[in-house]
N, C-alpha and C. Protein backbone atom coordinates (compact mmCIF):
# COMPACT_ATOMS: atom_id res chain seq x y z
N MET A 1 0.84 -1.17 0.00
CA MET A 1 0.00 0.00 0.00
C MET A 1 0.89 1.23 0.00
N LYS A 2 0.71 2.10 -0.98
CA LYS A 2 1.50 3.32 -1.09
C LYS A 2 0.89 4.40 -0.21
N ARG A 3 1.73 5.06 0.56
CA ARG A 3 1.25 6.09 1.48
C ARG A 3 1.54 7.47 0.90
N GLU A 4 0.66 8.40 1.23
CA GLU A 4 0.88 9.79 0.82
C GLU A 4 2.05 10.36 1.59
N PRO A 5 2.76 11.32 1.01
CA PRO A 5 3.82 11.99 1.77
C PRO A 5 3.22 12.65 3.02
N LEU A 6 3.98 12.68 4.08
CA LEU A 6 3.51 13.19 5.36
C LEU A 6 2.93 14.60 5.24
N ALA A 7 3.57 15.45 4.49
CA ALA A 7 3.13 16.84 4.38
C ALA A 7 1.75 16.97 3.74
N SER A 8 1.34 16.00 2.92
CA SER A 8 0.05 16.11 2.25
C SER A 8 -1.09 15.42 3.01
N ARG A 9 -0.77 14.75 4.09
CA ARG A 9 -1.81 14.09 4.88
C ARG A 9 -2.51 15.10 5.77
N PRO A 10 -3.82 14.93 5.96
CA PRO A 10 -4.54 15.84 6.86
C PRO A 10 -4.11 15.59 8.31
N LEU A 11 -4.11 16.67 9.07
CA LEU A 11 -3.78 16.54 10.49
C LEU A 11 -4.92 15.84 11.22
N ARG A 12 -4.57 15.05 12.23
CA ARG A 12 -5.57 14.34 13.02
C ARG A 12 -5.40 14.69 14.49
N ALA A 13 -6.49 14.60 15.20
CA ALA A 13 -6.43 14.78 16.65
C ALA A 13 -5.64 13.63 17.26
N THR A 14 -4.96 13.90 18.35
CA THR A 14 -4.17 12.86 19.02
C THR A 14 -5.04 11.65 19.32
N THR A 15 -6.27 11.89 19.72
CA THR A 15 -7.17 10.79 20.07
C THR A 15 -7.55 9.92 18.87
N ALA A 16 -7.23 10.35 17.65
CA ALA A 16 -7.54 9.56 16.46
C ALA A 16 -6.43 8.56 16.14
N TYR A 17 -5.29 8.68 16.79
CA TYR A 17 -4.19 7.75 16.55
C TYR A 17 -4.42 6.47 17.32
N ILE A 18 -4.19 5.35 16.66
CA ILE A 18 -4.48 4.05 17.29
C ILE A 18 -3.65 3.82 18.55
N GLY A 19 -2.41 4.28 18.54
CA GLY A 19 -1.58 4.12 19.73
C GLY A 19 -2.18 4.80 20.94
N HIS A 20 -2.71 5.99 20.73
CA HIS A 20 -3.36 6.73 21.83
C HIS A 20 -4.62 5.99 22.29
N GLN A 21 -5.37 5.48 21.35
CA GLN A 21 -6.60 4.75 21.69
C GLN A 21 -6.28 3.48 22.47
N LEU A 22 -5.28 2.73 22.01
CA LEU A 22 -4.90 1.50 22.70
C LEU A 22 -4.37 1.80 24.11
N MET A 23 -3.57 2.86 24.24
CA MET A 23 -3.03 3.22 25.55
C MET A 23 -4.15 3.62 26.50
N GLY A 24 -5.09 4.40 26.02
CA GLY A 24 -6.22 4.80 26.85
C GLY A 24 -7.06 3.61 27.29
N LEU A 25 -7.29 2.70 26.38
CA LEU A 25 -8.05 1.49 26.69
C LEU A 25 -7.30 0.64 27.70
N ALA A 26 -5.99 0.49 27.51
CA ALA A 26 -5.18 -0.30 28.44
C ALA A 26 -5.17 0.34 29.83
N MET A 27 -5.08 1.65 29.89
CA MET A 27 -5.08 2.33 31.19
C MET A 27 -6.41 2.14 31.91
N ARG A 28 -7.50 2.24 31.14
CA ARG A 28 -8.84 2.04 31.73
C ARG A 28 -9.00 0.60 32.24
N PHE A 29 -8.54 -0.36 31.44
CA PHE A 29 -8.65 -1.76 31.83
C PHE A 29 -7.78 -2.04 33.06
N ARG A 30 -6.58 -1.50 33.08
CA ARG A 30 -5.69 -1.71 34.23
C ARG A 30 -6.30 -1.14 35.51
N ALA A 31 -6.87 0.06 35.41
CA ALA A 31 -7.49 0.67 36.59
C ALA A 31 -8.65 -0.18 37.10
N ASP A 32 -9.46 -0.72 36.19
CA ASP A 32 -10.56 -1.59 36.59
C ASP A 32 -10.02 -2.86 37.25
N CYS A 33 -8.98 -3.45 36.67
CA CYS A 33 -8.39 -4.66 37.25
C CYS A 33 -7.79 -4.38 38.62
N GLU A 34 -7.07 -3.28 38.77
CA GLU A 34 -6.50 -2.93 40.07
C GLU A 34 -7.59 -2.79 41.12
N HIS A 35 -8.65 -2.11 40.77
CA HIS A 35 -9.77 -1.92 41.69
C HIS A 35 -10.42 -3.27 42.03
N SER A 36 -10.61 -4.09 41.02
CA SER A 36 -11.30 -5.37 41.20
C SER A 36 -10.48 -6.38 42.00
N LEU A 37 -9.16 -6.32 41.89
CA LEU A 37 -8.28 -7.25 42.59
C LEU A 37 -7.86 -6.77 43.98
N LYS A 38 -8.18 -5.52 44.29
CA LYS A 38 -7.70 -4.92 45.53
C LYS A 38 -8.09 -5.74 46.76
N HIS A 39 -9.30 -6.26 46.80
CA HIS A 39 -9.74 -7.03 47.97
C HIS A 39 -8.95 -8.33 48.14
N LEU A 40 -8.25 -8.76 47.09
CA LEU A 40 -7.42 -9.96 47.16
C LEU A 40 -5.96 -9.62 47.50
N ASP A 41 -5.66 -8.31 47.63
CA ASP A 41 -4.30 -7.83 47.87
C ASP A 41 -3.36 -8.28 46.76
N LEU A 42 -3.84 -8.17 45.52
CA LEU A 42 -3.10 -8.63 44.35
C LEU A 42 -3.17 -7.56 43.27
N LEU A 43 -2.06 -7.28 42.62
CA LEU A 43 -2.03 -6.35 41.50
C LEU A 43 -2.18 -7.13 40.19
N PRO A 44 -2.64 -6.47 39.13
CA PRO A 44 -2.79 -7.17 37.84
C PRO A 44 -1.49 -7.83 37.38
N ARG A 45 -0.39 -7.14 37.54
CA ARG A 45 0.90 -7.71 37.10
C ARG A 45 1.25 -8.95 37.94
N GLU A 46 0.91 -8.92 39.22
CA GLU A 46 1.15 -10.08 40.08
C GLU A 46 0.23 -11.24 39.68
N PHE A 47 -1.00 -10.91 39.29
CA PHE A 47 -1.88 -11.96 38.78
C PHE A 47 -1.26 -12.59 37.54
N GLY A 48 -0.72 -11.77 36.65
CA GLY A 48 -0.08 -12.29 35.44
C GLY A 48 1.04 -13.26 35.78
N LEU A 49 1.85 -12.90 36.77
CA LEU A 49 2.93 -13.78 37.21
C LEU A 49 2.37 -15.07 37.80
N LEU A 50 1.42 -14.95 38.70
CA LEU A 50 0.82 -16.14 39.31
C LEU A 50 0.17 -17.03 38.24
N ASN A 51 -0.49 -16.42 37.29
CA ASN A 51 -1.13 -17.17 36.20
C ASN A 51 -0.09 -17.96 35.41
N GLU A 52 1.03 -17.34 35.08
CA GLU A 52 2.08 -18.04 34.34
C GLU A 52 2.68 -19.18 35.16
N VAL A 53 2.82 -18.96 36.47
CA VAL A 53 3.35 -20.01 37.35
C VAL A 53 2.38 -21.20 37.38
N VAL A 54 1.10 -20.90 37.44
CA VAL A 54 0.10 -21.98 37.43
C VAL A 54 0.12 -22.71 36.08
N LEU A 55 0.18 -21.96 34.99
CA LEU A 55 0.18 -22.58 33.66
C LEU A 55 1.46 -23.34 33.35
N HIS A 56 2.58 -22.85 33.88
CA HIS A 56 3.89 -23.42 33.55
C HIS A 56 4.65 -23.79 34.82
N ALA A 57 4.01 -24.55 35.68
CA ALA A 57 4.60 -24.93 36.96
C ALA A 57 5.97 -25.57 36.76
N GLY A 58 6.92 -25.13 37.55
CA GLY A 58 8.25 -25.70 37.51
C GLY A 58 9.20 -25.03 36.55
N GLN A 59 8.72 -24.06 35.78
CA GLN A 59 9.65 -23.32 34.94
C GLN A 59 10.47 -22.38 35.81
N THR A 60 11.59 -21.93 35.28
CA THR A 60 12.44 -21.06 36.08
C THR A 60 11.87 -19.65 36.13
N GLN A 61 12.30 -18.96 37.16
CA GLN A 61 11.93 -17.56 37.33
C GLN A 61 12.33 -16.75 36.10
N ALA A 62 13.51 -17.02 35.56
CA ALA A 62 14.00 -16.30 34.37
C ALA A 62 13.13 -16.58 33.15
N GLN A 63 12.72 -17.83 32.96
CA GLN A 63 11.88 -18.18 31.81
C GLN A 63 10.54 -17.45 31.88
N ILE A 64 9.94 -17.46 33.06
CA ILE A 64 8.64 -16.81 33.21
C ILE A 64 8.78 -15.30 33.07
N GLY A 65 9.82 -14.73 33.66
CA GLY A 65 10.06 -13.29 33.54
C GLY A 65 10.27 -12.87 32.10
N GLN A 66 11.01 -13.67 31.36
CA GLN A 66 11.26 -13.36 29.95
C GLN A 66 9.96 -13.39 29.16
N ARG A 67 9.14 -14.41 29.39
CA ARG A 67 7.87 -14.54 28.67
C ARG A 67 6.95 -13.35 28.96
N LEU A 68 6.98 -12.86 30.20
CA LEU A 68 6.11 -11.74 30.59
C LEU A 68 6.74 -10.38 30.30
N GLY A 69 8.01 -10.36 29.92
CA GLY A 69 8.68 -9.09 29.66
C GLY A 69 9.00 -8.33 30.94
N ILE A 70 9.30 -9.06 32.00
CA ILE A 70 9.61 -8.45 33.29
C ILE A 70 11.11 -8.56 33.53
N ASP A 71 11.76 -7.43 33.82
CA ASP A 71 13.20 -7.46 34.06
C ASP A 71 13.52 -8.23 35.34
N ARG A 72 14.77 -8.67 35.46
CA ARG A 72 15.17 -9.54 36.57
C ARG A 72 14.94 -8.91 37.94
N THR A 73 15.27 -7.64 38.08
CA THR A 73 15.12 -6.98 39.39
C THR A 73 13.65 -6.93 39.80
N THR A 74 12.79 -6.53 38.89
CA THR A 74 11.36 -6.46 39.18
C THR A 74 10.81 -7.86 39.45
N MET A 75 11.28 -8.83 38.69
CA MET A 75 10.82 -10.21 38.86
C MET A 75 11.16 -10.71 40.27
N VAL A 76 12.37 -10.44 40.74
CA VAL A 76 12.76 -10.87 42.09
C VAL A 76 11.85 -10.24 43.13
N THR A 77 11.57 -8.95 42.98
CA THR A 77 10.69 -8.26 43.93
C THR A 77 9.29 -8.86 43.93
N MET A 78 8.76 -9.13 42.74
CA MET A 78 7.42 -9.71 42.65
C MET A 78 7.38 -11.12 43.22
N VAL A 79 8.36 -11.93 42.90
CA VAL A 79 8.40 -13.31 43.41
C VAL A 79 8.55 -13.28 44.93
N ASP A 80 9.40 -12.39 45.44
CA ASP A 80 9.55 -12.26 46.90
C ASP A 80 8.20 -11.98 47.56
N ARG A 81 7.44 -11.06 46.98
CA ARG A 81 6.14 -10.70 47.57
C ARG A 81 5.15 -11.86 47.52
N LEU A 82 5.07 -12.54 46.39
CA LEU A 82 4.14 -13.67 46.27
C LEU A 82 4.58 -14.84 47.15
N ALA A 83 5.88 -15.02 47.30
CA ALA A 83 6.37 -16.09 48.18
C ALA A 83 6.11 -15.75 49.64
N ALA A 84 6.29 -14.48 50.01
CA ALA A 84 6.04 -14.06 51.40
C ALA A 84 4.56 -14.23 51.76
N ALA A 85 3.68 -14.10 50.78
CA ALA A 85 2.24 -14.28 51.01
C ALA A 85 1.86 -15.77 50.94
N ASP A 86 2.82 -16.63 50.70
CA ASP A 86 2.61 -18.07 50.58
C ASP A 86 1.72 -18.42 49.39
N TRP A 87 1.88 -17.67 48.30
CA TRP A 87 1.14 -17.95 47.07
C TRP A 87 1.98 -18.74 46.08
N LEU A 88 3.29 -18.67 46.22
CA LEU A 88 4.16 -19.48 45.37
C LEU A 88 5.42 -19.79 46.15
N GLU A 89 6.11 -20.79 45.67
CA GLU A 89 7.39 -21.13 46.27
C GLU A 89 8.41 -21.31 45.16
N ARG A 90 9.64 -20.98 45.51
CA ARG A 90 10.72 -21.19 44.55
C ARG A 90 11.66 -22.24 45.12
N THR A 91 12.05 -23.12 44.23
CA THR A 91 12.97 -24.18 44.62
C THR A 91 14.18 -24.13 43.71
N PRO A 92 15.35 -24.48 44.24
CA PRO A 92 16.54 -24.46 43.38
C PRO A 92 16.38 -25.40 42.19
N ASP A 93 16.89 -24.97 41.06
CA ASP A 93 16.88 -25.78 39.84
C ASP A 93 17.99 -26.82 39.96
N PRO A 94 17.67 -28.11 39.87
CA PRO A 94 18.71 -29.12 40.02
C PRO A 94 19.78 -29.07 38.92
N GLN A 95 19.45 -28.52 37.75
CA GLN A 95 20.41 -28.42 36.65
C GLN A 95 21.26 -27.14 36.70
N ASP A 96 20.79 -26.13 37.44
CA ASP A 96 21.49 -24.84 37.47
C ASP A 96 21.35 -24.24 38.86
N ARG A 97 22.43 -24.25 39.63
CA ARG A 97 22.38 -23.77 41.02
C ARG A 97 21.99 -22.29 41.12
N ARG A 98 22.16 -21.53 40.04
CA ARG A 98 21.84 -20.10 40.07
C ARG A 98 20.37 -19.82 39.81
N ALA A 99 19.63 -20.80 39.32
CA ALA A 99 18.24 -20.61 38.90
C ALA A 99 17.27 -21.18 39.93
N TYR A 100 16.06 -20.63 39.91
CA TYR A 100 14.98 -21.11 40.77
C TYR A 100 13.77 -21.46 39.93
N ARG A 101 13.12 -22.54 40.30
CA ARG A 101 11.88 -22.96 39.65
C ARG A 101 10.71 -22.49 40.51
N LEU A 102 9.64 -22.07 39.85
CA LEU A 102 8.48 -21.53 40.57
C LEU A 102 7.30 -22.47 40.48
N VAL A 103 6.62 -22.64 41.62
CA VAL A 103 5.43 -23.47 41.70
C VAL A 103 4.43 -22.77 42.62
N ALA A 104 3.17 -22.75 42.23
CA ALA A 104 2.13 -22.17 43.09
C ALA A 104 1.88 -23.10 44.27
N THR A 105 1.64 -22.50 45.42
CA THR A 105 1.26 -23.27 46.61
C THR A 105 -0.24 -23.56 46.54
N ALA A 106 -0.73 -24.37 47.48
CA ALA A 106 -2.18 -24.63 47.53
C ALA A 106 -2.93 -23.32 47.73
N LYS A 107 -2.40 -22.45 48.59
CA LYS A 107 -3.02 -21.14 48.82
C LYS A 107 -2.98 -20.30 47.54
N GLY A 108 -1.88 -20.39 46.79
CA GLY A 108 -1.75 -19.67 45.53
C GLY A 108 -2.71 -20.18 44.47
N LEU A 109 -2.91 -21.48 44.44
CA LEU A 109 -3.86 -22.06 43.48
C LEU A 109 -5.29 -21.61 43.79
N GLN A 110 -5.64 -21.54 45.07
CA GLN A 110 -6.97 -21.05 45.46
C GLN A 110 -7.14 -19.58 45.07
N LEU A 111 -6.10 -18.78 45.35
CA LEU A 111 -6.14 -17.36 44.99
C LEU A 111 -6.28 -17.22 43.48
N HIS A 112 -5.54 -18.03 42.74
CA HIS A 112 -5.59 -17.95 41.28
C HIS A 112 -6.99 -18.19 40.74
N LEU A 113 -7.70 -19.17 41.30
CA LEU A 113 -9.06 -19.45 40.85
C LEU A 113 -9.96 -18.23 41.01
N VAL A 114 -9.87 -17.59 42.18
CA VAL A 114 -10.70 -16.42 42.46
C VAL A 114 -10.27 -15.24 41.57
N ALA A 115 -8.96 -15.00 41.50
CA ALA A 115 -8.44 -13.87 40.73
C ALA A 115 -8.72 -14.03 39.24
N ALA A 116 -8.67 -15.25 38.73
CA ALA A 116 -8.96 -15.48 37.32
C ALA A 116 -10.41 -15.11 37.00
N GLU A 117 -11.31 -15.40 37.92
CA GLU A 117 -12.72 -15.01 37.74
C GLU A 117 -12.86 -13.49 37.76
N VAL A 118 -12.13 -12.84 38.65
CA VAL A 118 -12.16 -11.37 38.74
C VAL A 118 -11.65 -10.77 37.43
N MET A 119 -10.56 -11.31 36.91
CA MET A 119 -9.99 -10.80 35.66
C MET A 119 -10.93 -11.06 34.48
N ALA A 120 -11.56 -12.22 34.46
CA ALA A 120 -12.52 -12.53 33.39
C ALA A 120 -13.69 -11.55 33.42
N ALA A 121 -14.15 -11.21 34.63
CA ALA A 121 -15.26 -10.25 34.76
C ALA A 121 -14.82 -8.87 34.27
N ALA A 122 -13.58 -8.49 34.55
CA ALA A 122 -13.07 -7.20 34.07
C ALA A 122 -13.01 -7.20 32.54
N GLU A 123 -12.58 -8.30 31.95
CA GLU A 123 -12.57 -8.40 30.48
C GLU A 123 -13.98 -8.28 29.93
N GLU A 124 -14.92 -8.95 30.57
CA GLU A 124 -16.31 -8.88 30.12
C GLU A 124 -16.82 -7.44 30.16
N ARG A 125 -16.50 -6.71 31.22
CA ARG A 125 -16.94 -5.31 31.31
C ARG A 125 -16.31 -4.48 30.20
N LEU A 126 -15.05 -4.72 29.91
CA LEU A 126 -14.36 -3.97 28.87
C LEU A 126 -14.96 -4.25 27.50
N LEU A 127 -15.23 -5.51 27.23
CA LEU A 127 -15.68 -5.93 25.90
C LEU A 127 -17.19 -5.93 25.73
N ASN A 128 -17.92 -5.64 26.78
CA ASN A 128 -19.38 -5.69 26.76
C ASN A 128 -20.02 -4.94 25.60
N PRO A 129 -19.51 -3.78 25.18
CA PRO A 129 -20.16 -3.09 24.05
C PRO A 129 -20.07 -3.85 22.72
N LEU A 130 -19.20 -4.84 22.63
CA LEU A 130 -19.01 -5.57 21.37
C LEU A 130 -19.81 -6.87 21.37
N SER A 131 -20.26 -7.25 20.20
CA SER A 131 -20.91 -8.56 20.05
C SER A 131 -19.86 -9.65 20.29
N THR A 132 -20.33 -10.86 20.51
CA THR A 132 -19.40 -11.98 20.71
C THR A 132 -18.48 -12.15 19.51
N ALA A 133 -19.02 -12.01 18.32
CA ALA A 133 -18.20 -12.16 17.12
C ALA A 133 -17.14 -11.07 17.04
N LYS A 134 -17.49 -9.85 17.41
CA LYS A 134 -16.51 -8.76 17.39
C LYS A 134 -15.46 -8.95 18.48
N GLN A 135 -15.87 -9.49 19.63
CA GLN A 135 -14.90 -9.78 20.68
C GLN A 135 -13.90 -10.82 20.18
N PHE A 136 -14.40 -11.85 19.53
CA PHE A 136 -13.56 -12.90 18.97
C PHE A 136 -12.59 -12.30 17.96
N ALA A 137 -13.11 -11.46 17.07
CA ALA A 137 -12.28 -10.84 16.04
C ALA A 137 -11.23 -9.93 16.66
N LEU A 138 -11.61 -9.15 17.66
CA LEU A 138 -10.65 -8.25 18.32
C LEU A 138 -9.52 -9.05 18.95
N ARG A 139 -9.86 -10.13 19.65
CA ARG A 139 -8.82 -10.97 20.27
C ARG A 139 -7.86 -11.52 19.21
N ASP A 140 -8.39 -11.98 18.10
CA ASP A 140 -7.54 -12.51 17.04
C ASP A 140 -6.68 -11.42 16.41
N MET A 141 -7.25 -10.24 16.19
CA MET A 141 -6.47 -9.15 15.61
C MET A 141 -5.35 -8.70 16.55
N LEU A 142 -5.67 -8.58 17.84
CA LEU A 142 -4.65 -8.20 18.81
C LEU A 142 -3.55 -9.25 18.90
N ALA A 143 -3.93 -10.52 18.87
CA ALA A 143 -2.94 -11.59 18.90
C ALA A 143 -2.05 -11.53 17.66
N CYS A 144 -2.64 -11.25 16.53
CA CYS A 144 -1.89 -11.13 15.28
C CYS A 144 -0.91 -9.97 15.37
N LEU A 145 -1.37 -8.83 15.81
CA LEU A 145 -0.50 -7.65 15.92
C LEU A 145 0.59 -7.84 16.95
N ALA A 146 0.31 -8.61 17.99
CA ALA A 146 1.29 -8.87 19.04
C ALA A 146 2.26 -9.98 18.63
N GLY A 147 2.02 -10.59 17.47
CA GLY A 147 2.90 -11.64 16.98
C GLY A 147 2.65 -12.99 17.63
N MET A 148 1.48 -13.16 18.20
CA MET A 148 1.14 -14.44 18.83
C MET A 148 0.37 -15.27 17.83
N GLU A 149 0.55 -16.57 17.90
CA GLU A 149 -0.19 -17.44 17.00
C GLU A 149 -1.36 -18.02 17.76
N ARG A 150 -2.54 -17.58 17.40
CA ARG A 150 -3.76 -18.11 18.01
C ARG A 150 -4.75 -18.37 16.90
N SER A 151 -5.42 -19.46 17.01
CA SER A 151 -6.49 -19.74 16.05
C SER A 151 -7.62 -20.43 16.77
N ALA A 152 -8.78 -20.30 16.23
CA ALA A 152 -9.97 -20.89 16.84
C ALA A 152 -9.98 -22.40 16.63
N SER A 153 -10.63 -23.06 17.53
CA SER A 153 -10.79 -24.51 17.38
C SER A 153 -11.87 -24.78 16.34
N ALA A 154 -12.01 -26.04 16.01
CA ALA A 154 -13.01 -26.43 15.01
C ALA A 154 -14.42 -26.04 15.44
N GLU A 155 -14.66 -25.99 16.75
CA GLU A 155 -16.00 -25.64 17.24
C GLU A 155 -16.23 -24.14 17.26
N GLY A 156 -15.21 -23.35 16.94
CA GLY A 156 -15.37 -21.90 16.95
C GLY A 156 -15.18 -21.28 18.32
N GLN A 157 -14.56 -22.00 19.25
CA GLN A 157 -14.33 -21.43 20.57
C GLN A 157 -12.96 -20.77 20.60
N HIS A 158 -12.92 -19.54 21.09
CA HIS A 158 -11.65 -18.84 21.15
C HIS A 158 -10.79 -19.50 22.21
N PRO A 159 -9.53 -19.83 21.89
CA PRO A 159 -8.69 -20.59 22.81
C PRO A 159 -8.34 -19.88 24.11
N THR A 160 -8.39 -18.56 24.15
CA THR A 160 -8.01 -17.87 25.38
C THR A 160 -9.16 -17.32 26.18
N SER A 161 -10.33 -17.27 25.60
CA SER A 161 -11.41 -16.60 26.30
C SER A 161 -12.59 -17.49 26.65
N GLY A 162 -12.73 -18.59 25.96
CA GLY A 162 -13.90 -19.41 26.16
C GLY A 162 -15.09 -18.90 25.36
N LEU A 163 -14.91 -17.82 24.59
CA LEU A 163 -16.00 -17.29 23.78
C LEU A 163 -16.27 -18.21 22.61
N THR A 164 -17.50 -18.31 22.23
CA THR A 164 -17.88 -19.04 21.03
C THR A 164 -18.27 -18.01 19.99
N ALA A 165 -17.62 -18.09 18.86
CA ALA A 165 -17.81 -17.08 17.83
C ALA A 165 -19.01 -17.35 16.96
N ASN A 166 -19.70 -16.28 16.62
CA ASN A 166 -20.73 -16.30 15.59
C ASN A 166 -20.02 -15.76 14.36
N ARG A 167 -19.65 -16.61 13.46
CA ARG A 167 -18.82 -16.20 12.32
C ARG A 167 -19.56 -15.33 11.30
N SER A 168 -20.78 -14.96 11.59
CA SER A 168 -21.53 -14.12 10.65
C SER A 168 -21.05 -12.69 10.66
N GLY A 169 -20.21 -12.30 11.65
CA GLY A 169 -19.70 -10.94 11.72
C GLY A 169 -20.61 -10.01 12.49
N ALA A 170 -21.64 -10.53 13.12
CA ALA A 170 -22.58 -9.68 13.86
C ALA A 170 -21.92 -8.99 15.02
C-alpha cells in the first residue's frame, strides 16, 4: 500500500491515533483490574505472574520473567512478595544452582481461581459493548498484531477466552 507523503496528509487529533486509543483502553482496563483485585491484595501484574506459574509450573523464574517481559530486578521483587504471602514457592533448579523454579502453593492455586474469575469479569466489562463475534475478532487481531499465534478450534471457541464465535460478523 503506497502512502501519501507526510506533508500532504490531513492533520488528526491525538485521540484519532491508534496508539493513543490503545493506551487509553489499556489504562482504563488496568485501573478496573487494580480496583477489582484490591480485595485480594493482588495487582494485575502479580496476577499475570501467578497465572504463568500456574500454567507453567516448575519453569524457572527467568523463563517466566522473559515470557512476561519483566526485568530480573522487578521479577525478584514480585516473586519475593508472592512467596512471602505463601502464594508461590521457589525451589533451586537441580540443573542450574543459580536458577529457581516456581510453583504455586495450595493457597496460591486457590487465589488464582478467584483472581482469574475477577480478571474474566473485568474483560467482560471492557468488551461488553461488542458482540461476541466482534470480541472474537478483536482478540484474534490483537494476537496477530502482538505476533502471537492463536487460532480458533473447530468448534469456533476462542482458545483464550472461552467465547464461542458467531462467524456471521454480527
